[in-house]
Amino acid sequence: MIRTVTATRYVRPLREGGSLPAIIEADDDGMYVLKFRGAAQGPKALIAELIGGLIGRALGLPVPELVLVEFDGALGRNEPHAEIQELVVRSAGLNLALDYLPGSFNFDPLNADQVAPDLAAQIVWFDAYISNVDRTPRNPNMLLWHRKLWLIDHGAAIYIHHTGADWHTRAKGRFTPIRDHILLAGASDLAAADAALAPLITPELIAAITAAIPADWLEAESERAAYGEYLSQRIEAPRHFVEEAVHARTQRL
């Protein structure tokens, strides 16, 4: 489901967002954007990133490869910025990274209407399912690389992390923040996207994804089953998150 690599070189920090990721090189000669477990958002952001990214890739959406990264904090000992060096040191252990897309650039919100309508509908469905609040004009979390759209940064998904509410209640929630999705207005038939994508979220897929969560990212092993139950309940019909997305799109037209 996901490979594990070992970081061999700390290249430089990416001074973007609150998580302060960094470019690293690994023992497979690959370059990755590393998300630090010691960042302010903590391991829950990595869990959301892992779940969201693996689901996106399983759906055939353009999400860069994710890898688990064994990281030695000593690799960042020459980082001159004291705050970043502290972050690097306290993130020793298993972290998460995405394939680095050199030369990519941030998606311009003014070009949202140029995304293919069927792809836009699938991305809206995906973000509604994983309850991702960040794919907005203010924070698109999309890149263009070799003239292709790529989806990144799913650390704000699994919105139950931030609500403190009962997971069982939230699992069947409508997810009203979808109304702010950057691609909603240009999305085609969301019901068709639902018919195509929902069957791909199988019990086997959910089990494989939750099994991939490193044990030391969890406060208790029981959380692994809770994530699985949440994802399973969310995909059960009727899917209120689809109804909400259809309603929000109608309001935008």
Protein backbone atom coordinates (compact mmCIF):
# COMPACT_ATOMS: atom_id res chain seq x y z
CA MET A 1 0.00 0.00 0.00
CA ILE A 2 2.86 2.37 0.83
CA ARG A 3 6.65 2.07 0.73
CA THR A 4 9.05 3.01 3.53
CA VAL A 5 12.29 4.80 2.67
CA THR A 6 15.11 6.25 4.74
CA ALA A 7 16.08 9.90 4.45
CA THR A 8 19.72 10.34 3.47
CA ARG A 9 19.92 14.10 2.96
CA TYR A 10 18.05 17.13 4.24
CA VAL A 11 17.98 19.52 1.27
CA ARG A 12 16.09 22.62 2.35
CA PRO A 13 12.89 23.73 4.07
CA LEU A 14 9.83 24.85 2.16
CA ARG A 15 8.70 27.97 3.96
CA GLU A 16 5.06 27.47 3.09
CA GLY A 17 2.09 26.99 5.39
CA GLY A 18 2.14 26.22 9.08
CA SER A 19 3.68 22.77 8.83
CA LEU A 20 7.06 23.90 7.36
CA PRO A 21 7.71 20.82 5.19
CA ALA A 22 11.15 20.18 3.71
CA ILE A 23 12.68 18.66 0.61
CA ILE A 24 14.71 15.56 1.40
CA GLU A 25 16.54 12.88 -0.55
CA ALA A 26 16.02 9.21 0.33
CA ASP A 27 17.89 5.95 -0.06
CA ASP A 28 15.92 5.11 -3.23
CA ASP A 29 17.50 8.22 -4.86
CA GLY A 30 14.09 9.88 -4.86
CA MET A 31 13.37 13.45 -3.78
CA TYR A 32 10.39 14.01 -1.51
CA VAL A 33 8.49 16.74 0.29
CA LEU A 34 8.62 15.63 3.92
CA LYS A 35 5.80 16.41 6.34
CA PHE A 36 7.21 16.51 9.88
CA ARG A 37 5.47 14.66 12.68
CA GLY A 38 6.80 17.28 15.10
CA ALA A 39 4.92 20.14 13.41
CA ALA A 40 2.24 21.99 15.34
CA GLN A 41 -0.55 19.88 13.84
CA GLY A 42 1.10 16.71 15.13
CA PRO A 43 0.65 13.11 13.94
CA LYS A 44 -3.08 13.57 13.26
CA ALA A 45 -2.21 15.77 10.28
CA LEU A 46 0.03 12.98 8.97
CA ILE A 47 -2.78 10.46 9.46
CA ALA A 48 -5.16 12.69 7.51
CA GLU A 49 -2.52 13.17 4.80
CA LEU A 50 -1.94 9.43 4.57
CA ILE A 51 -5.63 8.47 4.50
CA GLY A 52 -6.56 11.20 2.04
CA GLY A 53 -3.61 10.59 -0.24
CA LEU A 54 -4.03 6.82 -0.37
CA ILE A 55 -7.75 7.11 -1.04
CA GLY A 56 -7.13 9.66 -3.79
CA ARG A 57 -4.60 7.41 -5.49
CA ALA A 58 -6.93 4.40 -5.17
CA LEU A 59 -9.61 6.43 -6.94
CA GLY A 60 -7.22 7.16 -9.80
CA LEU A 61 -6.94 10.86 -8.95
CA PRO A 62 -3.66 12.74 -9.59
CA VAL A 63 -2.07 12.50 -6.14
CA PRO A 64 1.74 12.18 -5.93
CA GLU A 65 3.11 8.97 -4.46
CA LEU A 66 3.25 8.90 -0.68
CA VAL A 67 6.01 7.20 1.29
CA LEU A 68 6.77 6.68 4.94
CA VAL A 69 10.18 8.11 5.78
CA GLU A 70 12.57 7.06 8.51
CA PHE A 71 14.20 10.36 9.44
CA ASP A 72 17.26 10.99 11.59
CA GLY A 73 16.98 14.40 13.21
CA ALA A 74 20.75 14.81 12.93
CA LEU A 75 20.33 15.31 9.18
CA GLY A 76 19.10 18.83 9.84
CA ARG A 77 21.89 19.85 12.19
CA ASN A 78 23.15 22.46 9.71
CA GLU A 79 19.75 24.14 9.35
CA PRO A 80 20.49 27.78 10.32
CA HIS A 81 16.95 28.66 11.38
CA ALA A 82 16.61 27.74 15.06
CA GLU A 83 12.85 27.10 14.96
CA ILE A 84 13.12 24.84 11.93
CA GLN A 85 16.10 23.00 13.38
CA GLU A 86 14.10 22.32 16.55
CA LEU A 87 11.23 20.99 14.42
CA VAL A 88 13.62 18.72 12.50
CA VAL A 89 15.18 17.31 15.66
CA ARG A 90 11.88 16.52 17.39
CA SER A 91 10.58 14.82 14.23
CA ALA A 92 13.12 11.99 14.39
CA GLY A 93 11.45 8.68 13.56
CA LEU A 94 8.76 7.82 11.07
CA ASN A 95 7.35 10.70 9.03
CA LEU A 96 5.35 11.04 5.80
CA ALA A 97 6.40 12.45 2.44
CA LEU A 98 5.07 13.04 -1.06
CA ASP A 99 6.96 12.70 -4.29
CA TYR A 100 8.68 16.00 -5.10
CA LEU A 101 7.49 17.55 -8.37
CA PRO A 102 10.39 19.79 -9.45
CA GLY A 103 9.39 22.83 -11.42
CA SER A 104 5.74 22.60 -10.47
CA PHE A 105 3.84 25.76 -9.63
CA ASN A 106 0.76 26.59 -7.61
CA PHE A 107 -2.60 26.35 -9.32
CA ASP A 108 -4.13 29.74 -10.06
CA PRO A 109 -7.70 29.96 -8.68
CA LEU A 110 -8.63 32.12 -11.67
CA ASN A 111 -8.13 29.04 -13.87
CA ALA A 112 -10.59 26.83 -11.98
CA ASP A 113 -13.00 26.84 -14.93
CA GLN A 114 -10.31 25.25 -17.12
CA VAL A 115 -10.30 21.97 -15.17
CA ALA A 116 -12.18 19.24 -17.04
CA PRO A 117 -15.73 19.08 -15.59
CA ASP A 118 -15.65 15.30 -15.00
CA LEU A 119 -12.32 15.54 -13.17
CA ALA A 120 -13.61 18.50 -11.16
CA ALA A 121 -16.67 16.45 -10.12
CA GLN A 122 -14.49 13.54 -9.01
CA ILE A 123 -12.23 15.84 -6.97
CA VAL A 124 -15.25 17.48 -5.31
CA TRP A 125 -16.66 14.03 -4.47
CA PHE A 126 -13.30 12.90 -3.09
CA ASP A 127 -12.87 15.99 -0.90
CA ALA A 128 -16.44 15.71 0.39
CA TYR A 129 -15.89 12.05 1.29
CA ILE A 130 -12.65 12.68 3.20
CA SER A 131 -14.08 15.96 4.61
CA ASN A 132 -11.23 18.10 3.30
CA VAL A 133 -11.72 21.78 4.13
CA ASP A 134 -8.71 23.09 2.23
CA ARG A 135 -9.47 22.93 -1.53
CA THR A 136 -10.71 26.52 -1.69
CA PRO A 137 -9.76 29.63 -3.71
CA ARG A 138 -7.82 30.81 -0.67
CA ASN A 139 -5.94 27.54 -0.34
CA PRO A 140 -6.33 25.38 -3.49
CA ASN A 141 -3.67 22.80 -2.56
CA MET A 142 -3.19 21.93 -6.21
CA LEU A 143 -0.11 22.10 -8.40
CA LEU A 144 0.47 22.15 -12.13
CA TRP A 145 3.34 19.96 -13.28
CA HIS A 146 4.02 19.03 -16.89
CA ARG A 147 0.66 20.62 -17.74
CA LYS A 148 -1.17 18.23 -15.44
CA LEU A 149 -3.11 18.99 -12.27
CA TRP A 150 -1.89 17.39 -9.04
CA LEU A 151 -3.62 17.25 -5.66
CA ILE A 152 -1.49 17.82 -2.56
CA ASP A 153 -1.73 18.57 1.16
CA HIS A 154 -4.58 16.59 2.68
CA GLY A 155 -3.55 17.22 6.26
CA ALA A 156 -6.73 19.20 6.94
CA ALA A 157 -8.94 16.31 5.82
CA ILE A 158 -10.72 13.96 8.26
CA TYR A 159 -12.36 17.04 9.77
CA ILE A 160 -13.48 15.13 12.85
CA HIS A 161 -9.95 15.67 14.12
CA HIS A 162 -10.88 19.31 14.72
CA THR A 163 -14.47 19.08 15.95
CA GLY A 164 -14.30 17.00 19.10
CA ALA A 165 -17.70 15.63 18.15
CA ASP A 166 -18.83 12.02 18.17
CA TRP A 167 -17.35 10.14 15.20
CA HIS A 168 -20.53 8.12 14.65
CA THR A 169 -22.55 11.32 14.28
CA ARG A 170 -20.02 12.97 11.99
CA ALA A 171 -19.58 9.92 9.78
CA LYS A 172 -22.97 10.47 8.16
CA GLY A 173 -22.63 14.26 8.16
CA ARG A 174 -23.34 16.37 5.10
CA PHE A 175 -20.05 18.33 5.21
CA THR A 176 -21.30 21.85 4.49
CA PRO A 177 -17.78 23.33 3.86
CA ILE A 178 -17.94 21.73 0.41
CA ARG A 179 -19.80 24.86 -0.67
CA ASP A 180 -16.46 26.68 -0.75
CA HIS A 181 -14.69 24.13 -2.96
CA ILE A 182 -12.69 25.77 -5.72
CA LEU A 183 -13.91 23.33 -8.40
CA LEU A 184 -17.55 23.05 -7.37
CA ALA A 185 -19.00 25.49 -9.89
CA GLY A 186 -17.22 23.81 -12.81
CA ALA A 187 -18.00 20.25 -11.75
CA SER A 188 -20.17 18.09 -13.97
CA ASP A 189 -22.71 15.52 -12.72
CA LEU A 190 -21.84 14.76 -9.10
CA ALA A 191 -24.25 11.85 -9.03
CA ALA A 192 -22.31 10.28 -11.89
CA ALA A 193 -19.07 10.84 -9.99
CA ASP A 194 -20.65 9.14 -6.99
CA ALA A 195 -21.74 6.16 -9.10
CA ALA A 196 -18.23 5.78 -10.49
CA LEU A 197 -16.18 6.31 -7.33
CA ALA A 198 -18.21 4.96 -4.42
CA PRO A 199 -17.85 1.29 -5.50
CA LEU A 200 -14.06 1.72 -5.40
CA ILE A 201 -14.14 2.39 -1.64
CA THR A 202 -14.30 -1.24 -0.63
CA PRO A 203 -13.93 -2.79 2.83
CA GLU A 204 -10.64 -4.24 1.64
CA LEU A 205 -9.34 -0.82 0.63
CA ILE A 206 -10.36 0.74 3.94
CA ALA A 207 -8.72 -2.10 5.85
CA ALA A 208 -5.48 -1.72 3.88
CA ILE A 209 -5.36 2.04 4.39
CA THR A 210 -6.02 1.93 8.12
CA ALA A 211 -3.49 -0.89 8.48
CA ALA A 212 -0.88 1.43 6.91
CA ILE A 213 -1.15 3.98 9.75
CA PRO A 214 2.03 3.66 11.85
CA ALA A 215 1.26 2.56 15.40
CA ASP A 216 3.25 5.38 16.98
CA TRP A 217 1.09 7.98 15.24
CA LEU A 218 -1.93 6.70 17.18
CA GLU A 219 -2.74 7.66 20.75
CA ALA A 220 -4.24 4.19 21.17
CA GLU A 221 -4.50 1.18 18.88
CA SER A 222 -8.30 1.41 19.13
CA GLU A 223 -8.13 4.53 16.96
CA ARG A 224 -7.21 2.37 13.95
CA ALA A 225 -10.58 0.62 14.10
CA ALA A 226 -12.30 3.97 14.66
CA TYR A 227 -10.84 5.36 11.42
CA GLY A 228 -12.00 2.25 9.58
CA GLU A 229 -15.49 2.52 11.01
CA TYR A 230 -15.67 6.21 10.15
CA LEU A 231 -14.64 5.66 6.53
CA SER A 232 -16.97 2.67 6.20
CA GLN A 233 -19.99 4.49 7.60
CA ARG A 234 -19.30 7.52 5.44
CA ILE A 235 -19.44 5.49 2.24
CA GLU A 236 -22.69 3.73 3.15
CA ALA A 237 -25.83 4.86 1.35
CA PRO A 238 -27.46 7.28 1.62
CA ARG A 239 -24.35 9.42 1.26
CA HIS A 240 -25.41 12.77 2.65
CA PHE A 241 -22.10 14.37 1.67
CA VAL A 242 -23.08 13.84 -1.98
CA GLU A 243 -26.51 15.38 -1.40
CA GLU A 244 -24.85 18.39 0.21
CA ALA A 245 -22.39 18.80 -2.68
CA VAL A 246 -25.22 18.63 -5.23
CA HIS A 247 -27.19 21.19 -3.24
CA ALA A 248 -24.17 23.50 -2.89
CA ARG A 249 -23.45 23.28 -6.62
CA THR A 250 -27.05 24.18 -7.44
CA GLN A 251 -26.75 27.23 -5.22
CA ARG A 252 -23.57 28.30 -7.01
CA LEU A 253 -25.07 28.10 -10.52
